[in-house]
Protein backbone atom coordinates (compact mmCIF):
# COMPACT_ATOMS: atom_id res chain seq x y z
CA MET A 1 -10.63 -168.88 -16.64
CA VAL A 2 -10.49 -165.07 -17.04
CA ALA A 3 -12.70 -164.70 -14.00
CA ARG A 4 -10.69 -167.24 -12.01
CA LEU A 5 -7.25 -165.80 -12.79
CA ILE A 6 -7.81 -162.05 -13.14
CA ASP A 7 -7.09 -161.22 -9.52
CA GLU A 8 -4.00 -163.38 -8.89
CA ASP A 9 -2.67 -163.88 -12.42
CA PRO A 10 -3.83 -161.00 -14.66
CA GLU A 11 -1.39 -161.91 -17.45
CA GLY A 12 -2.72 -165.43 -17.52
CA ALA A 13 -6.29 -164.11 -17.61
CA TYR A 14 -5.33 -161.86 -20.51
CA GLY A 15 -3.94 -164.77 -22.39
CA TYR A 16 -7.18 -166.75 -21.99
CA SER A 17 -9.18 -163.68 -23.07
CA ARG A 18 -7.26 -163.52 -26.37
CA VAL A 19 -8.06 -167.14 -27.05
CA ALA A 20 -11.79 -166.51 -26.23
CA LEU A 21 -11.78 -163.59 -28.62
CA ARG A 22 -10.49 -165.72 -31.48
CA LEU A 23 -13.19 -168.25 -30.80
CA ALA A 24 -16.21 -166.01 -30.15
CA SER A 25 -15.48 -162.26 -30.75
CA ARG A 26 -19.20 -161.69 -31.49
CA VAL A 27 -20.36 -162.68 -28.09
CA ALA A 28 -20.83 -159.61 -25.76
CA ALA A 29 -19.72 -161.46 -22.64
CA VAL A 30 -16.43 -162.43 -24.29
CA ARG A 31 -15.73 -158.81 -25.30
CA GLU A 32 -16.52 -157.70 -21.77
CA ALA A 33 -14.20 -160.28 -20.28
CA ALA A 34 -11.50 -159.32 -22.67
CA GLY A 35 -11.98 -155.72 -21.62
CA PHE A 36 -11.55 -156.46 -17.97
CA ALA A 37 -8.48 -158.67 -18.60
CA ALA A 38 -6.87 -155.88 -20.63
CA TYR A 39 -7.87 -153.30 -17.98
CA ALA A 40 -6.21 -155.49 -15.24
CA ASN A 41 -3.01 -155.42 -17.32
CA GLN A 42 -3.21 -151.62 -17.77
CA LYS A 43 -3.81 -152.01 -21.47
CA TYR A 44 -6.38 -149.13 -21.36
CA SER A 45 -6.74 -148.45 -25.02
CA GLU A 46 -7.46 -152.06 -25.75
CA ALA A 47 -9.80 -152.33 -22.78
CA LEU A 48 -11.75 -149.35 -23.83
CA ALA A 49 -12.23 -150.74 -27.36
CA GLU A 50 -13.49 -154.05 -25.92
CA PHE A 51 -15.88 -152.33 -23.48
CA ARG A 52 -17.25 -150.16 -26.31
CA ALA A 53 -17.84 -153.26 -28.47
CA ALA A 54 -19.69 -155.00 -25.53
CA ARG A 55 -21.78 -151.90 -25.02
CA ARG A 56 -22.73 -151.73 -28.66
CA MET A 57 -23.85 -155.32 -28.59
CA THR A 58 -25.98 -155.04 -25.47
CA GLY A 59 -26.95 -151.39 -25.16
CA ASN A 60 -26.08 -151.75 -21.46
CA VAL A 61 -24.56 -148.83 -19.60
CA ASP A 62 -23.08 -150.84 -16.65
CA LEU A 63 -19.56 -150.45 -18.13
CA TRP A 64 -19.68 -146.70 -18.27
CA PRO A 65 -17.65 -146.03 -15.08
CA VAL A 66 -14.85 -148.38 -16.03
CA MET A 67 -14.81 -146.91 -19.56
CA ALA A 68 -14.37 -143.50 -18.01
CA ASP A 69 -11.54 -144.84 -15.84
CA CYS A 70 -9.85 -146.15 -19.01
CA GLU A 71 -9.92 -142.58 -20.19
CA ARG A 72 -8.07 -141.62 -17.00
CA GLY A 73 -5.59 -144.42 -17.63
CA LEU A 74 -4.93 -142.98 -21.08
CA GLY A 75 -4.16 -139.57 -19.61
CA ARG A 76 -7.48 -138.02 -20.51
CA PRO A 77 -9.07 -136.98 -17.19
CA GLU A 78 -11.07 -134.29 -18.92
CA LYS A 79 -12.84 -136.94 -21.03
CA ALA A 80 -13.55 -138.95 -17.89
CA MET A 81 -15.17 -135.86 -16.31
CA GLU A 82 -17.22 -135.33 -19.43
CA MET A 83 -18.44 -138.91 -19.11
CA ALA A 84 -19.26 -138.35 -15.43
CA GLY A 85 -21.81 -135.67 -16.46
CA ALA A 86 -23.41 -137.70 -19.31
CA PRO A 87 -27.02 -138.87 -19.25
CA GLU A 88 -25.82 -142.53 -19.10
CA VAL A 89 -24.84 -141.96 -15.45
CA GLN A 90 -28.53 -141.51 -14.58
CA LYS A 91 -29.21 -144.95 -15.91
CA LEU A 92 -26.73 -146.63 -13.65
CA ASP A 93 -27.78 -148.40 -10.45
CA LYS A 94 -26.58 -147.14 -7.12
CA ALA A 95 -23.32 -149.12 -7.20
CA GLY A 96 -22.60 -147.86 -10.65
CA GLN A 97 -23.27 -144.26 -9.62
CA VAL A 98 -20.93 -144.60 -6.68
CA GLU A 99 -18.30 -146.05 -8.89
CA MET A 100 -18.72 -143.16 -11.34
CA ARG A 101 -18.28 -140.76 -8.44
CA LEU A 102 -15.03 -142.40 -7.50
CA VAL A 103 -13.76 -142.16 -11.05
CA ALA A 104 -14.77 -138.53 -11.28
CA ALA A 105 -12.91 -137.73 -8.00
CA GLY A 106 -9.88 -139.51 -9.32
CA ALA A 107 -10.00 -137.49 -12.53
CA ARG A 108 -10.23 -134.27 -10.42
CA ARG A 109 -7.05 -135.38 -8.65
CA ASP A 110 -5.34 -136.14 -11.95
CA MET A 111 -5.99 -132.51 -12.88
CA GLY A 112 -4.59 -131.32 -9.52
CA GLN A 113 -8.03 -130.31 -8.25
CA ILE A 114 -7.83 -131.85 -4.76
CA ASP A 115 -10.53 -129.81 -3.15
CA ALA A 116 -12.93 -130.50 -6.05
CA ALA A 117 -12.17 -134.22 -5.59
CA ILE A 118 -13.17 -133.98 -1.90
CA VAL A 119 -16.42 -132.23 -2.80
CA THR A 120 -17.13 -134.80 -5.51
CA LEU A 121 -16.91 -137.65 -2.96
CA GLN A 122 -19.23 -135.94 -0.43
CA SER A 123 -22.48 -137.70 -0.89
CA PRO A 124 -25.39 -139.33 0.93
CA GLU A 125 -23.61 -142.64 0.33
CA LEU A 126 -20.52 -141.34 2.12
CA ALA A 127 -22.53 -139.94 5.09
CA SER A 128 -24.58 -143.05 5.48
CA ASN A 129 -23.89 -145.46 8.42
CA SER A 130 -25.18 -148.31 6.32
CA VAL A 131 -22.32 -150.61 5.06
CA GLN A 132 -22.70 -151.43 1.44
CA PRO A 133 -20.23 -153.24 -1.00
CA TRP A 134 -18.87 -149.84 -2.07
CA THR A 135 -18.68 -148.29 1.40
CA ALA A 136 -15.05 -149.09 2.30
CA ARG A 137 -13.68 -147.91 -1.05
CA LEU A 138 -15.73 -144.66 -0.94
CA ARG A 139 -14.57 -143.87 2.59
CA TYR A 140 -10.91 -144.79 1.72
CA ALA A 141 -10.95 -142.49 -1.37
CA TYR A 142 -12.34 -139.69 0.75
CA ALA A 143 -9.68 -140.19 3.42
CA ASP A 144 -6.90 -140.35 0.87
CA ALA A 145 -8.19 -137.06 -0.73
CA LEU A 146 -8.29 -135.36 2.65
CA LEU A 147 -4.74 -136.47 3.38
CA ALA A 148 -3.61 -135.14 0.04
CA ALA A 149 -5.16 -131.79 0.99
CA GLY A 150 -3.24 -131.74 4.27
CA ARG A 151 -6.31 -132.38 6.46
CA GLU A 152 -4.72 -135.08 8.46
CA ASP A 153 -7.01 -135.30 11.42
CA GLU A 154 -10.08 -135.66 9.18
CA ALA A 155 -8.16 -138.15 7.05
CA ARG A 156 -7.45 -140.34 10.03
CA GLU A 157 -11.01 -140.29 11.14
CA TRP A 158 -12.15 -141.51 7.59
CA PHE A 159 -9.42 -144.14 7.35
CA ALA A 160 -10.71 -145.52 10.65
CA LYS A 161 -14.23 -145.49 9.24
CA ALA A 162 -12.95 -147.35 6.09
CA VAL A 163 -11.29 -149.99 8.33
CA GLU A 164 -14.71 -150.47 10.16
CA SER A 165 -16.48 -151.18 6.82
CA ASP A 166 -13.72 -153.11 5.05
CA LYS A 167 -14.67 -156.63 6.11
CA ASP A 168 -12.95 -158.38 3.13
CA GLY A 169 -9.72 -156.31 3.04
CA SER A 170 -10.42 -154.67 -0.23
CA THR A 171 -8.35 -151.67 0.79
CA ASP A 172 -5.13 -151.07 2.77
CA ALA A 173 -6.97 -148.69 5.10
CA SER A 174 -5.63 -150.46 8.19
CA ASP A 175 -2.08 -150.04 6.99
CA ARG A 176 -2.61 -146.36 6.16
CA LEU A 177 -4.12 -145.75 9.57
CA ALA A 178 -1.26 -147.53 11.31
CA GLU A 179 1.21 -145.50 9.28
CA MET A 180 -0.43 -142.22 10.42
CA ASP A 181 -0.30 -143.45 13.98
CA GLY A 182 3.41 -144.20 13.70
CA VAL A 183 2.88 -147.98 14.14
CA GLU A 184 5.51 -150.13 12.44
CA PHE A 185 4.67 -153.82 11.76
CA VAL A 186 7.49 -156.39 11.86
CA ASP A 187 6.97 -159.80 10.32
CA ALA A 188 7.69 -162.17 13.23
CA MET A 189 8.21 -165.13 10.84
CA ASP A 190 10.83 -163.19 8.83
CA GLU A 191 12.53 -162.05 12.03
CA GLU A 192 12.59 -165.54 13.45
CA ALA A 193 13.99 -166.92 10.21
CA LEU A 194 16.65 -164.26 10.19
CA ASP A 195 17.64 -165.10 13.72
CA GLU A 196 17.74 -168.81 12.95
CA SER A 197 19.80 -168.16 9.90
CA GLY A 198 22.28 -165.93 11.79
CA SER A 199 22.57 -168.35 14.68
CA GLY A 200 23.09 -171.21 12.25
CA SER A 201 25.75 -169.41 10.40
CA GLU A 202 27.58 -168.66 13.65
CA ALA A 203 27.37 -172.18 14.80
CA GLU A 204 28.59 -173.45 11.52
CA ALA A 205 31.58 -171.01 11.62
CA VAL A 206 32.53 -172.21 15.21
CA GLU A 207 32.19 -175.83 14.18
CA ALA A 208 34.40 -175.31 11.12
CA ALA A 209 37.03 -173.48 13.23
CA ALA A 210 37.11 -176.39 15.70
CA ILE A 211 37.54 -178.94 12.88
CA VAL A 212 40.44 -176.93 11.42
CA ASP A 213 42.12 -176.45 14.83
CA ALA A 214 41.67 -179.99 15.99
CA PRO A 215 44.75 -182.29 15.88
CA ALA A 216 44.88 -185.04 13.32
CA PRO A 217 43.70 -188.39 14.80
CA GLU A 218 46.32 -190.99 15.42
CA PRO A 219 46.14 -194.12 13.23
CA VAL A 220 44.65 -197.07 15.09
CA VAL A 221 46.34 -200.47 14.55
CA ASN A 222 44.06 -203.41 15.42
CA ASP A 223 46.58 -206.31 16.12
CA ALA A 224 43.86 -208.78 16.84
CA MET A 225 42.33 -208.27 13.39
CA ASP A 226 45.71 -208.43 11.79
CA LYS A 227 46.50 -211.73 13.50
CA ASP A 228 43.13 -213.28 12.58
CA ALA A 229 43.11 -212.01 9.02
CA PRO A 230 43.38 -214.82 6.45
CA ASP A 231 46.58 -215.31 4.53
CA HIS A 232 46.01 -214.14 0.92
CA ARG A 233 49.40 -215.28 -0.39
CA ASP A 234 49.35 -216.96 -3.72
CA ASP A 235 49.68 -220.69 -3.09
CA SER A 236 49.80 -221.56 -6.80
CA ASP A 237 53.52 -222.57 -6.62
CA ASP A 238 52.58 -225.13 -3.96
């Protein structure tokens, strides 16, 4: 349930994770799931504690980048940078190393070191034309850092590259690119609903005015019905 809800209902996922912890707190997978649920709800201290517990149980380093990002969330970018240079990073797979690079660049930006963040993201993975699961996010982070540094032309180029590799819409690169190009999107459905609502309101107002101004109808007397109507006088006296 944590995995099912965490993207669309992080609070619900967090609630399920607390139940799971009460039932099986000594299971590493439960501690890891609880960590991600807390992380999704920006409960970084709690998430870090759960990730550390899961790591102690398994000895696995896969959670190292997200643990470093929790340090960022707690306002400790220096600690995140320290973790980025730790031996554990060398034990990560390629995806983990790219994730660690993203966290390190974010920590540099937290410390106001924009140029250093740009350099941190420059890597063979960024330069590669091969599209991997991390490619869109890496290109997006690089474009965003370039934009923060005032290098708008380069930023636009990399936002465009991020769009090319973002097949599942994991970033808002297309929106950022459109914004840089001065393109403004209008929701046609909302505009149509607004028009219909406005037209309906005007029509209702005209109809109401007509009703108010219309003369009262004359009463209709149906003589035939009156003549044919049965006599309901009380005949008890007869």
